[in-house]
Amino acid sequence: MANVADVANLAETHSIARHRRFPRINWPALAMIMPSVIALLLVGLYPLLFVVSLSFQRFLLNRPQNNGMFVGFENYATVLSDELFWSSLGRTLTMLVIVLIVQIVLGIAIAVLIDSSRWRIVNWTVKTALVIPIAMTPAVVGLLGVLIFNRDFGLVNYLLGLIGIEKISWLGDPTMAMVAIIITDIWQWTPFAALIMLSSLALVPHDMIEAARLDTKNAWMIFRYVKLPYLMPGITAFMIIRTADVLKLFDMPFTLTRGGPGVSTELISLYIQRMGFRIFDMGVASAQAVLLLILCIVLARAYIRFFYRAPESE
């Protein structure tokens, strides 16, 4: 009997190990998620692979007879030696640095003010108002910017005129046109930063704040050593999201300035569009898009490496 029991236990152990090695497939659950997986592959993975393959080909929309020829890294060499590409990328990165700093600082300030307010109706009203700019499409925001920054009847020049400042040609001057794009982007996406920071502040344990207040009355010290560690994951996430947004920003600057005057506000996404659909060189445009994707991934990894700090456990 003992031998029979040992054999039964051994068989049961072997069966359990076999099931662990080859887990049972839940076919109903797999059938439910497969449509979503297939849709994601078609919408996300296939276009990416198509663009990567196109970046290694000669593909001119106005000369279809020569399309499909493999050219290796020729398109990438063309991009890396293109001064207009580097200048548009420089403008984009300059804008990225400015908007990230301003939006994070303003977002933290707004979040701290809302978090410290004791009036629930005020908090609810401000939170609702913060959603409005985010919900607007970039193209509509660009059209509003055209009205607001118009030299003759724009709201900004009207307000400046009330304090005696002469009219500024916001959209006609190269420098001021770039400033107008930056201000518009800050107006639209600072509320998004504020909502993320407000959610992060909600994670700060109340007893930690009370204990810190017993040690010091300095609000900056409490914020620096108690609240800021809980804000860092949210700040990192915001930087990653906004970096991807700014690097592919097209609708708002296109409707606001169309890259002008000249090419003074031509961001990298506008330049890629011009290369692909005006110069008709889809191979070079695809190479630019792939390099832009690589840059976005590198920056995201750098943010996580240098800025992300998980708050210490209690």
Protein backbone atom coordinates (compact mmCIF):
# COMPACT_ATOMS: atom_id res chain seq x y z
CA MET A 1 0.00 0.00 0.00
CA ALA A 2 2.85 2.32 0.75
CA ASN A 3 4.28 1.77 -2.71
CA VAL A 4 0.91 2.46 -4.30
CA ALA A 5 0.59 5.71 -2.29
CA ASP A 6 4.09 6.79 -3.29
CA VAL A 7 3.32 6.14 -6.94
CA ALA A 8 0.07 8.12 -6.64
CA ASN A 9 1.85 11.05 -4.98
CA LEU A 10 4.58 10.98 -7.61
CA ALA A 11 1.99 10.97 -10.41
CA GLU A 12 0.12 13.86 -8.80
CA THR A 13 3.35 15.82 -8.39
CA HIS A 14 4.28 15.15 -12.00
CA SER A 15 0.81 16.24 -13.14
CA ILE A 16 1.05 19.49 -11.15
CA ALA A 17 4.53 20.20 -12.55
CA ARG A 18 3.32 19.47 -16.08
CA HIS A 19 0.38 21.87 -15.66
CA ARG A 20 2.69 24.55 -14.30
CA ARG A 21 5.01 24.07 -17.25
CA PHE A 22 2.17 24.14 -19.74
CA PRO A 23 -0.56 26.36 -18.26
CA ARG A 24 -4.09 25.80 -19.42
CA ILE A 25 -5.23 28.37 -21.99
CA ASN A 26 -8.38 30.26 -21.16
CA TRP A 27 -9.90 30.24 -24.64
CA PRO A 28 -13.00 32.40 -23.86
CA ALA A 29 -10.81 35.14 -22.34
CA LEU A 30 -8.37 34.90 -25.25
CA ALA A 31 -11.24 35.21 -27.73
CA MET A 32 -12.46 38.36 -25.95
CA ILE A 33 -9.11 40.18 -26.02
CA MET A 34 -7.97 39.09 -29.48
CA PRO A 35 -9.98 41.77 -31.39
CA SER A 36 -8.33 44.49 -29.30
CA VAL A 37 -4.88 42.95 -29.77
CA ILE A 38 -5.39 42.68 -33.54
CA ALA A 39 -6.63 46.29 -33.70
CA LEU A 40 -3.58 47.53 -31.75
CA LEU A 41 -1.25 45.61 -34.05
CA LEU A 42 -2.92 47.06 -37.15
CA VAL A 43 -3.09 50.62 -35.82
CA GLY A 44 0.25 50.73 -34.00
CA LEU A 45 2.73 48.09 -35.01
CA TYR A 46 2.06 47.88 -38.75
CA PRO A 47 2.44 51.66 -39.42
CA LEU A 48 5.67 51.65 -37.40
CA LEU A 49 7.13 48.77 -39.37
CA PHE A 50 5.97 50.35 -42.63
CA VAL A 51 7.66 53.67 -41.81
CA VAL A 52 10.88 51.91 -40.78
CA SER A 53 10.94 49.94 -44.04
CA LEU A 54 10.11 53.08 -46.02
CA SER A 55 13.07 54.90 -44.45
CA PHE A 56 15.41 52.47 -46.23
CA GLN A 57 13.81 52.98 -49.64
CA ARG A 58 13.71 55.63 -52.33
CA PHE A 59 10.05 56.70 -52.33
CA LEU A 60 9.08 59.88 -54.20
CA LEU A 61 5.37 60.57 -54.55
CA ASN A 62 5.88 62.54 -57.76
CA ARG A 63 8.09 59.81 -59.33
CA PRO A 64 6.34 56.50 -58.60
CA GLN A 65 8.28 54.62 -61.27
CA ASN A 66 11.44 54.65 -59.12
CA ASN A 67 9.79 53.80 -55.81
CA GLY A 68 10.68 50.77 -53.72
CA MET A 69 14.43 50.77 -54.44
CA PHE A 70 16.48 49.82 -51.38
CA VAL A 71 19.00 52.58 -50.60
CA GLY A 72 20.29 51.49 -47.19
CA PHE A 73 21.15 54.38 -44.90
CA GLU A 74 21.18 56.97 -47.67
CA ASN A 75 18.00 58.65 -46.39
CA TYR A 76 19.44 58.84 -42.88
CA ALA A 77 22.65 60.38 -44.21
CA THR A 78 20.55 62.96 -46.06
CA VAL A 79 18.67 63.81 -42.88
CA LEU A 80 21.78 64.12 -40.73
CA SER A 81 23.40 66.48 -43.24
CA ASP A 82 20.27 68.65 -43.62
CA GLU A 83 20.69 72.03 -41.90
CA LEU A 84 16.95 72.74 -42.01
CA PHE A 85 16.30 69.51 -40.13
CA TRP A 86 18.70 70.48 -37.35
CA SER A 87 17.36 74.02 -37.12
CA SER A 88 13.75 72.82 -36.86
CA LEU A 89 14.79 70.23 -34.28
CA GLY A 90 16.63 72.93 -32.33
CA ARG A 91 13.53 75.13 -32.28
CA THR A 92 11.46 72.19 -31.10
CA LEU A 93 13.86 71.26 -28.30
CA THR A 94 14.11 74.89 -27.19
CA MET A 95 10.34 75.08 -26.98
CA LEU A 96 10.27 71.75 -25.16
CA VAL A 97 12.65 72.93 -22.43
CA ILE A 98 10.73 76.19 -21.92
CA VAL A 99 7.25 74.69 -21.78
CA LEU A 100 8.32 71.82 -19.51
CA ILE A 101 9.87 74.16 -16.94
CA VAL A 102 7.02 76.68 -16.98
CA GLN A 103 4.24 74.09 -16.99
CA ILE A 104 5.77 72.06 -14.15
CA VAL A 105 6.36 75.14 -11.98
CA LEU A 106 2.89 76.59 -12.63
CA GLY A 107 1.28 73.18 -12.29
CA ILE A 108 2.88 72.61 -8.88
CA ALA A 109 1.90 76.11 -7.73
CA ILE A 110 -1.73 75.65 -8.82
CA ALA A 111 -1.90 72.19 -7.26
CA VAL A 112 -0.49 73.41 -3.93
CA LEU A 113 -2.97 76.30 -3.84
CA ILE A 114 -5.91 73.98 -4.56
CA ASP A 115 -4.69 71.39 -2.07
CA SER A 116 -4.33 73.98 0.69
CA SER A 117 -7.77 75.51 0.08
CA ARG A 118 -10.51 74.57 2.55
CA TRP A 119 -13.38 75.66 0.28
CA ARG A 120 -14.74 72.60 -1.51
CA ILE A 121 -16.86 74.60 -3.96
CA VAL A 122 -13.77 76.58 -4.98
CA ASN A 123 -11.73 73.40 -5.45
CA TRP A 124 -14.50 71.78 -7.52
CA THR A 125 -14.89 74.89 -9.70
CA VAL A 126 -11.16 75.24 -10.32
CA LYS A 127 -10.76 71.53 -11.14
CA THR A 128 -13.63 71.75 -13.61
CA ALA A 129 -12.16 74.85 -15.25
CA LEU A 130 -8.78 73.14 -15.59
CA VAL A 131 -10.28 70.46 -17.82
CA ILE A 132 -11.58 72.93 -20.44
CA PRO A 133 -8.27 73.79 -22.18
CA ILE A 134 -7.20 70.13 -22.17
CA ALA A 135 -10.46 69.05 -23.82
CA MET A 136 -9.99 71.46 -26.72
CA THR A 137 -8.42 70.05 -29.88
CA PRO A 138 -5.04 71.57 -30.88
CA ALA A 139 -6.44 72.86 -34.18
CA VAL A 140 -9.16 74.82 -32.34
CA VAL A 141 -6.56 76.15 -29.90
CA GLY A 142 -4.50 77.34 -32.87
CA LEU A 143 -7.50 79.14 -34.37
CA LEU A 144 -8.18 80.81 -31.03
CA GLY A 145 -4.55 81.86 -30.95
CA VAL A 146 -4.96 83.53 -34.35
CA LEU A 147 -7.77 85.65 -32.89
CA ILE A 148 -6.05 86.36 -29.59
CA PHE A 149 -2.68 87.34 -31.09
CA ASN A 150 -4.01 89.29 -34.08
CA ARG A 151 -2.18 92.58 -34.42
CA ASP A 152 -5.19 94.79 -35.10
CA PHE A 153 -8.08 93.31 -33.11
CA GLY A 154 -6.49 90.64 -30.95
CA LEU A 155 -7.19 90.39 -27.23
CA VAL A 156 -3.53 90.52 -26.19
CA ASN A 157 -2.82 93.79 -28.01
CA TYR A 158 -6.06 95.24 -26.66
CA LEU A 159 -5.00 94.50 -23.08
CA LEU A 160 -1.51 95.84 -23.74
CA GLY A 161 -3.06 99.01 -25.16
CA LEU A 162 -4.90 99.59 -21.88
CA ILE A 163 -1.55 100.03 -20.12
CA GLY A 164 -0.05 102.14 -22.89
CA ILE A 165 2.00 99.53 -24.76
CA GLU A 166 1.97 99.78 -28.55
CA LYS A 167 0.61 96.98 -30.70
CA ILE A 168 2.91 94.02 -31.24
CA SER A 169 2.98 92.04 -34.47
CA TRP A 170 2.79 88.69 -32.72
CA LEU A 171 2.36 86.56 -35.82
CA GLY A 172 4.40 88.73 -38.19
CA ASP A 173 7.64 88.84 -36.21
CA PRO A 174 9.79 85.66 -36.18
CA THR A 175 10.63 85.87 -32.48
CA MET A 176 7.18 86.92 -31.28
CA ALA A 177 5.50 84.23 -33.40
CA MET A 178 7.51 81.59 -31.57
CA VAL A 179 6.60 83.25 -28.27
CA ALA A 180 2.93 83.09 -29.27
CA ILE A 181 3.19 79.34 -29.91
CA ILE A 182 4.90 78.78 -26.55
CA ILE A 183 2.32 80.86 -24.67
CA THR A 184 -0.52 79.00 -26.36
CA ASP A 185 0.95 75.62 -25.50
CA ILE A 186 1.53 76.70 -21.88
CA TRP A 187 -2.08 77.89 -21.63
CA GLN A 188 -3.46 74.60 -22.91
CA TRP A 189 -1.31 72.11 -21.01
CA THR A 190 -0.52 73.77 -17.67
CA PRO A 191 -3.90 72.54 -16.34
CA PHE A 192 -2.85 69.00 -17.23
CA ALA A 193 0.29 69.44 -15.13
CA ALA A 194 -1.79 70.86 -12.28
CA LEU A 195 -4.15 67.88 -12.26
CA ILE A 196 -1.24 65.40 -12.23
CA MET A 197 0.47 67.27 -9.37
CA LEU A 198 -2.82 67.46 -7.47
CA SER A 199 -3.24 63.70 -7.76
CA SER A 200 0.33 63.23 -6.51
CA LEU A 201 -0.26 65.51 -3.53
CA ALA A 202 -3.26 63.40 -2.57
CA LEU A 203 -0.83 60.51 -1.95
CA VAL A 204 1.13 62.38 0.73
CA PRO A 205 0.26 60.86 4.15
CA HIS A 206 -1.44 63.44 6.34
CA ASP A 207 0.41 62.29 9.46
CA MET A 208 3.76 62.97 7.75
CA ILE A 209 2.71 66.56 7.08
CA GLU A 210 1.54 66.99 10.67
CA ALA A 211 4.80 65.56 12.00
CA ALA A 212 6.79 67.89 9.76
CA ARG A 213 4.79 70.88 11.00
CA LEU A 214 5.76 70.01 14.56
CA ASP A 215 9.44 70.25 13.59
CA THR A 216 9.29 73.40 11.45
CA LYS A 217 6.89 76.10 10.34
CA ASN A 218 8.83 76.70 7.13
CA ALA A 219 6.41 75.86 4.30
CA TRP A 220 9.25 75.50 1.80
CA MET A 221 11.05 72.93 3.97
CA ILE A 222 7.84 70.91 4.34
CA PHE A 223 7.27 71.01 0.59
CA ARG A 224 10.88 70.17 -0.25
CA TYR A 225 11.34 67.18 2.06
CA VAL A 226 7.79 65.85 2.50
CA LYS A 227 5.68 66.66 -0.56
CA LEU A 228 8.22 66.85 -3.38
CA PRO A 229 9.27 63.15 -3.18
CA TYR A 230 5.65 62.21 -3.82
CA LEU A 231 5.51 64.62 -6.77
CA MET A 232 8.53 63.19 -8.59
CA PRO A 233 6.75 60.18 -10.17
CA GLY A 234 4.02 62.51 -11.46
CA ILE A 235 6.58 65.01 -12.73
CA THR A 236 8.44 62.24 -14.57
CA ALA A 237 5.24 60.94 -16.16
CA PHE A 238 4.26 64.47 -17.20
CA MET A 239 7.68 65.09 -18.76
CA ILE A 240 7.46 61.86 -20.79
CA ILE A 241 3.93 62.60 -22.03
CA ARG A 242 4.62 66.22 -22.90
CA THR A 243 7.93 65.41 -24.60
CA ALA A 244 6.10 63.05 -26.95
CA ASP A 245 3.40 65.70 -27.48
CA VAL A 246 5.79 68.54 -28.29
CA LEU A 247 7.97 66.46 -30.60
CA LYS A 248 4.91 65.54 -32.68
CA LEU A 249 3.08 68.86 -32.23
CA PHE A 250 1.57 69.82 -35.57
CA ASP A 251 -2.05 71.02 -35.45
CA MET A 252 -1.68 74.04 -33.19
CA PRO A 253 1.43 75.67 -34.76
CA PHE A 254 0.17 74.86 -38.26
CA THR A 255 -3.14 76.65 -37.73
CA LEU A 256 -1.50 79.45 -35.75
CA THR A 257 1.50 80.38 -37.92
CA ARG A 258 1.83 77.65 -40.61
CA GLY A 259 5.53 77.62 -39.75
CA GLY A 260 6.00 81.27 -40.61
CA PRO A 261 7.01 83.94 -41.00
CA GLY A 262 9.46 82.14 -43.27
CA VAL A 263 10.50 79.02 -41.37
CA SER A 264 10.95 80.75 -38.00
CA THR A 265 8.27 78.65 -36.29
CA GLU A 266 8.63 75.48 -38.36
CA LEU A 267 8.84 72.78 -35.70
CA ILE A 268 10.19 69.35 -36.52
CA SER A 269 6.74 67.86 -37.16
CA LEU A 270 5.93 70.65 -39.63
CA TYR A 271 9.23 70.08 -41.40
CA ILE A 272 8.58 66.35 -41.70
CA GLN A 273 5.14 67.10 -43.15
CA ARG A 274 6.66 69.54 -45.63
CA MET A 275 9.32 67.03 -46.65
CA GLY A 276 6.77 64.27 -47.17
CA PHE A 277 3.77 66.05 -48.68
CA ARG A 278 5.25 69.15 -50.35
CA ILE A 279 8.66 67.95 -51.45
CA PHE A 280 7.13 64.45 -51.88
CA ASP A 281 10.18 62.59 -50.51
CA MET A 282 8.53 60.03 -48.26
CA GLY A 283 11.76 58.07 -47.78
CA VAL A 284 13.58 61.00 -46.19
CA ALA A 285 10.47 62.00 -44.23
CA SER A 286 10.21 58.46 -42.86
CA ALA A 287 13.86 58.53 -41.81
CA GLN A 288 13.21 61.81 -39.98
CA ALA A 289 10.21 60.27 -38.22
CA VAL A 290 12.24 57.23 -37.13
CA LEU A 291 15.02 59.44 -35.75
CA LEU A 292 12.41 61.49 -33.92
CA LEU A 293 10.99 58.31 -32.37
CA ILE A 294 14.47 57.24 -31.24
CA LEU A 295 15.04 60.68 -29.69
CA CYS A 296 11.73 60.44 -27.84
CA ILE A 297 12.65 57.02 -26.42
CA VAL A 298 16.10 58.25 -25.37
CA LEU A 299 14.63 61.29 -23.60
CA ALA A 300 12.02 59.15 -21.84
CA ARG A 301 14.71 56.81 -20.56
CA ALA A 302 16.79 59.81 -19.42
CA TYR A 303 13.83 61.24 -17.50
CA ILE A 304 13.30 57.94 -15.70
CA ARG A 305 17.03 57.62 -14.98
CA PHE A 306 17.64 61.13 -13.63
CA PHE A 307 14.28 62.42 -12.36
CA TYR A 308 12.19 59.49 -11.20
CA ARG A 309 12.42 58.94 -7.46
CA ALA A 310 9.89 56.72 -5.73
CA PRO A 311 8.88 58.05 -2.29
CA GLU A 312 10.37 56.15 0.62
CA SER A 313 8.04 53.79 2.42
CA GLU A 314 6.89 54.73 5.85
